[in-house]
C-alpha atoms as a PDB file:
ATOM      1  CA  MET A   1     112.565  71.990 103.199  1.00  0.00           C
ATOM      2  CA  LEU A   2     112.071  75.660 104.731  1.00  0.00           C
ATOM      3  CA  PHE A   3     109.218  76.598 106.616  1.00  0.00           C
ATOM      4  CA  ASP A   4     107.010  78.054 105.066  1.00  0.00           C
ATOM      5  CA  PRO A   5     104.336  80.051 107.284  1.00  0.00           C
ATOM      6  CA  PHE A   6     102.092  81.554 103.971  1.00  0.00           C
ATOM      7  CA  LYS A   7     101.442  77.994 102.873  1.00  0.00           C
ATOM      8  CA  LYS A   8     100.229  76.613 106.140  1.00  0.00           C
ATOM      9  CA  ILE A   9      97.980  79.750 106.128  1.00  0.00           C
ATOM     10  CA  VAL A  10      96.608  79.320 102.708  1.00  0.00           C
ATOM     11  CA  GLN A  11      95.956  75.374 103.508  1.00  0.00           C
ATOM     12  CA  SER A  12      94.292  76.310 106.370  1.00  0.00           C
ATOM     13  CA  SER A  13      92.263  78.602 104.923  1.00  0.00           C
ATOM     14  CA  ASN A  14      91.313  76.270 102.024  1.00  0.00           C
ATOM     15  CA  ASP A  15      90.351  73.565 104.752  1.00  0.00           C
ATOM     16  CA  ILE A  16      88.376  76.125 106.513  1.00  0.00           C
ATOM     17  CA  TYR A  17      86.513  76.750 103.249  1.00  0.00           C
ATOM     18  CA  ILE A  18      86.005  72.756 102.406  1.00  0.00           C
ATOM     19  CA  LYS A  19      84.363  72.476 105.858  1.00  0.00           C
ATOM     20  CA  ILE A  20      81.699  75.861 105.392  1.00  0.00           C
ATOM     21  CA  LYS A  21      80.785  74.150 101.756  1.00  0.00           C
ATOM     22  CA  SER A  22      80.292  71.044 103.089  1.00  0.00           C
ATOM     23  CA  GLU A  23      77.904  72.969 105.701  1.00  0.00           C
ATOM     24  CA  SER A  24      76.705  75.227 103.507  1.00  0.00           C
ATOM     25  CA  ASP A  25      75.699  72.502 100.803  1.00  0.00           C
ATOM     26  CA  HIS A  26      73.893  70.541 104.135  1.00  0.00           C
ATOM     27  CA  TYR A  27      71.909  73.384 104.773  1.00  0.00           C
ATOM     28  CA  ASN A  28      70.821  74.088 101.174  1.00  0.00           C
ATOM     29  CA  LEU A  29      72.991  77.780 101.188  1.00  0.00           C
ATOM     30  CA  PRO A  30      75.152  79.390  98.511  1.00  0.00           C
ATOM     31  CA  LEU A  31      78.215  80.087  99.781  1.00  0.00           C
ATOM     32  CA  MET A  32      79.792  83.343  98.616  1.00  0.00           C
ATOM     33  CA  ILE A  33      83.422  83.625  98.652  1.00  0.00           C
ATOM     34  CA  GLU A  34      84.619  87.185  98.617  1.00  0.00           C
ATOM     35  CA  HIS A  35      88.725  87.197  98.308  1.00  0.00           C
ATOM     36  CA  LEU A  36      90.703  90.996  99.264  1.00  0.00           C
ATOM     37  CA  VAL A  37      92.981  92.294  97.382  1.00  0.00           C
ATOM     38  CA  PHE A  38      94.515  95.092  99.166  1.00  0.00           C
ATOM     39  CA  ARG A  39      97.687  97.539  98.862  1.00  0.00           C
ATOM     40  CA  ALA A  40      99.042  99.707 101.746  1.00  0.00           C
ATOM     41  CA  ASN A  41      97.811 103.034 101.762  1.00  0.00           C
ATOM     42  CA  THR A  42     100.578 105.415 101.549  1.00  0.00           C
ATOM     43  CA  GLU A  43      98.891 108.906 101.918  1.00  0.00           C
ATOM     44  CA  LYS A  44      96.460 107.806 104.357  1.00  0.00           C
ATOM     45  CA  GLY A  45      97.984 104.726 106.009  1.00  0.00           C
ATOM     46  CA  GLY A  46      96.137 101.436 106.433  1.00  0.00           C
ATOM     47  CA  TYR A  47      95.135  99.800 102.959  1.00  0.00           C
ATOM     48  CA  ILE A  48      93.073  99.847 100.033  1.00  0.00           C
ATOM     49  CA  ILE A  49      91.814  98.052  97.301  1.00  0.00           C
ATOM     50  CA  ASP A  50      94.244  97.016  94.639  1.00  0.00           C
ATOM     51  CA  GLY A  51      92.632  96.631  91.724  1.00  0.00           C
ATOM     52  CA  ASP A  52      95.376  94.424  89.905  1.00  0.00           C
ATOM     53  CA  ILE A  53      93.631  92.050  87.122  1.00  0.00           C
ATOM     54  CA  LYS A  54      97.119  90.094  87.687  1.00  0.00           C
ATOM     55  CA  LYS A  55      95.852  89.542  91.426  1.00  0.00           C
ATOM     56  CA  ILE A  56      92.481  88.947  91.311  1.00  0.00           C
ATOM     57  CA  LEU A  57      92.076  86.681  88.676  1.00  0.00           C
ATOM     58  CA  PRO A  58      93.996  83.633  90.446  1.00  0.00           C
ATOM     59  CA  LEU A  59      91.809  84.536  93.523  1.00  0.00           C
ATOM     60  CA  VAL A  60      88.758  84.109  91.426  1.00  0.00           C
ATOM     61  CA  ARG A  61      89.449  80.931  89.889  1.00  0.00           C
ATOM     62  CA  GLN A  62      90.718  79.541  93.415  1.00  0.00           C
ATOM     63  CA  ALA A  63      87.284  80.577  94.826  1.00  0.00           C
ATOM     64  CA  VAL A  64      85.656  78.552  91.770  1.00  0.00           C
ATOM     65  CA  GLY A  65      87.706  75.329  92.804  1.00  0.00           C
ATOM     66  CA  LEU A  66      86.712  75.900  96.744  1.00  0.00           C
ATOM     67  CA  GLY A  67      83.297  75.117  95.362  1.00  0.00           C
ATOM     68  CA  ALA A  68      81.623  78.631  95.760  1.00  0.00           C
ATOM     69  CA  ASP A  69      78.592  79.496  94.144  1.00  0.00           C
ATOM     70  CA  ILE A  70      78.694  83.399  94.221  1.00  0.00           C
ATOM     71  CA  ILE A  71      81.867  85.034  94.025  1.00  0.00           C
ATOM     72  CA  LYS A  72      82.503  88.854  95.173  1.00  0.00           C
ATOM     73  CA  ALA A  73      85.385  90.281  93.508  1.00  0.00           C
ATOM     74  CA  ASP A  74      87.187  93.227  93.748  1.00  0.00           C
ATOM     75  CA  PRO A  75      86.860  95.857  90.691  1.00  0.00           C
ATOM     76  CA  THR A  76      90.029  96.004  88.122  1.00  0.00           C
ATOM     77  CA  ILE A  77      92.068  99.078  87.678  1.00  0.00           C
ATOM     78  CA  ASP A  78      90.526  99.159  84.125  1.00  0.00           C
ATOM     79  CA  VAL A  79      86.653  98.745  84.456  1.00  0.00           C
ATOM     80  CA  ARG A  80      87.353  97.541  80.610  1.00  0.00           C
ATOM     81  CA  ASP A  81      89.556  94.361  82.079  1.00  0.00           C
ATOM     82  CA  TYR A  82      86.774  93.024  84.278  1.00  0.00           C
ATOM     83  CA  HIS A  83      85.259  90.464  81.700  1.00  0.00           C
ATOM     84  CA  ARG A  84      88.236  88.641  82.278  1.00  0.00           C
ATOM     85  CA  VAL A  85      87.174  88.507  86.008  1.00  0.00           C
ATOM     86  CA  VAL A  86      83.776  87.059  84.907  1.00  0.00           C
ATOM     87  CA  LYS A  87      84.865  84.953  82.177  1.00  0.00           C
ATOM     88  CA  ILE A  88      87.266  83.016  84.555  1.00  0.00           C
ATOM     89  CA  ALA A  89      84.451  83.030  87.024  1.00  0.00           C
ATOM     90  CA  GLY A  90      82.562  80.403  84.607  1.00  0.00           C
ATOM     91  CA  ASN A  91      79.031  80.014  85.392  1.00  0.00           C
ATOM     92  CA  MET A  92      79.093  81.411  88.865  1.00  0.00           C
ATOM     93  CA  PRO A  93      77.654  84.786  89.518  1.00  0.00           C
ATOM     94  CA  VAL A  94      80.220  87.508  89.910  1.00  0.00           C
ATOM     95  CA  LEU A  95      79.230  90.345  92.393  1.00  0.00           C
ATOM     96  CA  VAL A  96      81.747  93.585  91.880  1.00  0.00           C
ATOM     97  CA  ARG A  97      82.816  94.697  95.951  1.00  0.00           C
ATOM     98  CA  GLY A  98      82.259  98.371  96.359  1.00  0.00           C
ATOM     99  CA  GLY A  99      85.269 100.239  96.066  1.00  0.00           C
ATOM    100  CA  SER A 100      86.311 103.599  98.206  1.00  0.00           C
ATOM    101  CA  ARG A 101      83.661 106.858  98.038  1.00  0.00           C
ATOM    102  CA  ALA A 102      83.181 108.168  94.309  1.00  0.00           C
ATOM    103  CA  SER A 103      80.862 110.197  92.321  1.00  0.00           C
ATOM    104  CA  ASP A 104      77.581 108.575  90.881  1.00  0.00           C
ATOM    105  CA  ARG A 105      78.684 108.776  87.233  1.00  0.00           C
ATOM    106  CA  PRO A 106      82.222 106.509  87.640  1.00  0.00           C
ATOM    107  CA  VAL A 107      80.301 104.023  89.904  1.00  0.00           C
ATOM    108  CA  ILE A 108      77.318 103.688  87.355  1.00  0.00           C
ATOM    109  CA  ARG A 109      80.081 103.339  84.589  1.00  0.00           C
ATOM    110  CA  ILE A 110      81.615 100.469  86.188  1.00  0.00           C
ATOM    111  CA  PHE A 111      78.465  98.641  87.305  1.00  0.00           C
ATOM    112  CA  SER A 112      76.913  99.143  84.085  1.00  0.00           C
ATOM    113  CA  SER A 113      80.535  97.726  82.355  1.00  0.00           C
ATOM    114  CA  ALA A 114      79.961  95.009  84.767  1.00  0.00           C
ATOM    115  CA  LEU A 115      76.373  93.907  83.880  1.00  0.00           C
ATOM    116  CA  LYS A 116      77.611  94.152  80.299  1.00  0.00           C
ATOM    117  CA  HIS A 117      80.088  91.569  80.595  1.00  0.00           C
ATOM    118  CA  GLN A 118      77.981  89.361  82.806  1.00  0.00           C
ATOM    119  CA  TRP A 119      75.097  88.968  80.302  1.00  0.00           C
ATOM    120  CA  SER A 120      77.225  88.747  77.071  1.00  0.00           C
ATOM    121  CA  ARG A 121      78.333  85.633  78.414  1.00  0.00           C
ATOM    122  CA  ALA A 122      74.734  84.374  79.280  1.00  0.00           C
END
């Protein structure tokens, strides 16, 4: 069997989540899991949010499986896809992570759409 360092990192992360969940339950505190999906910023260097729905959904599903009480997830490239994030979270509240700086209008549009989908599942 080949050595897979990524598998070891994922297992280690999951073990940490399980320990934190146990502690948060013990103290009656909600556990918020915020997975980050980044891509390289080829213009300025560093990393920026990658709103790829295909990358976000498995991480939200993992957060639910790890026992999150609240999920904070990246905005999707197409705001009309965000209902899929809310749906896969089941009964968990979903917070939309902030993105890069933008004028008020696009931010309000994204926020409004996310709320619409959040309320439509109630």
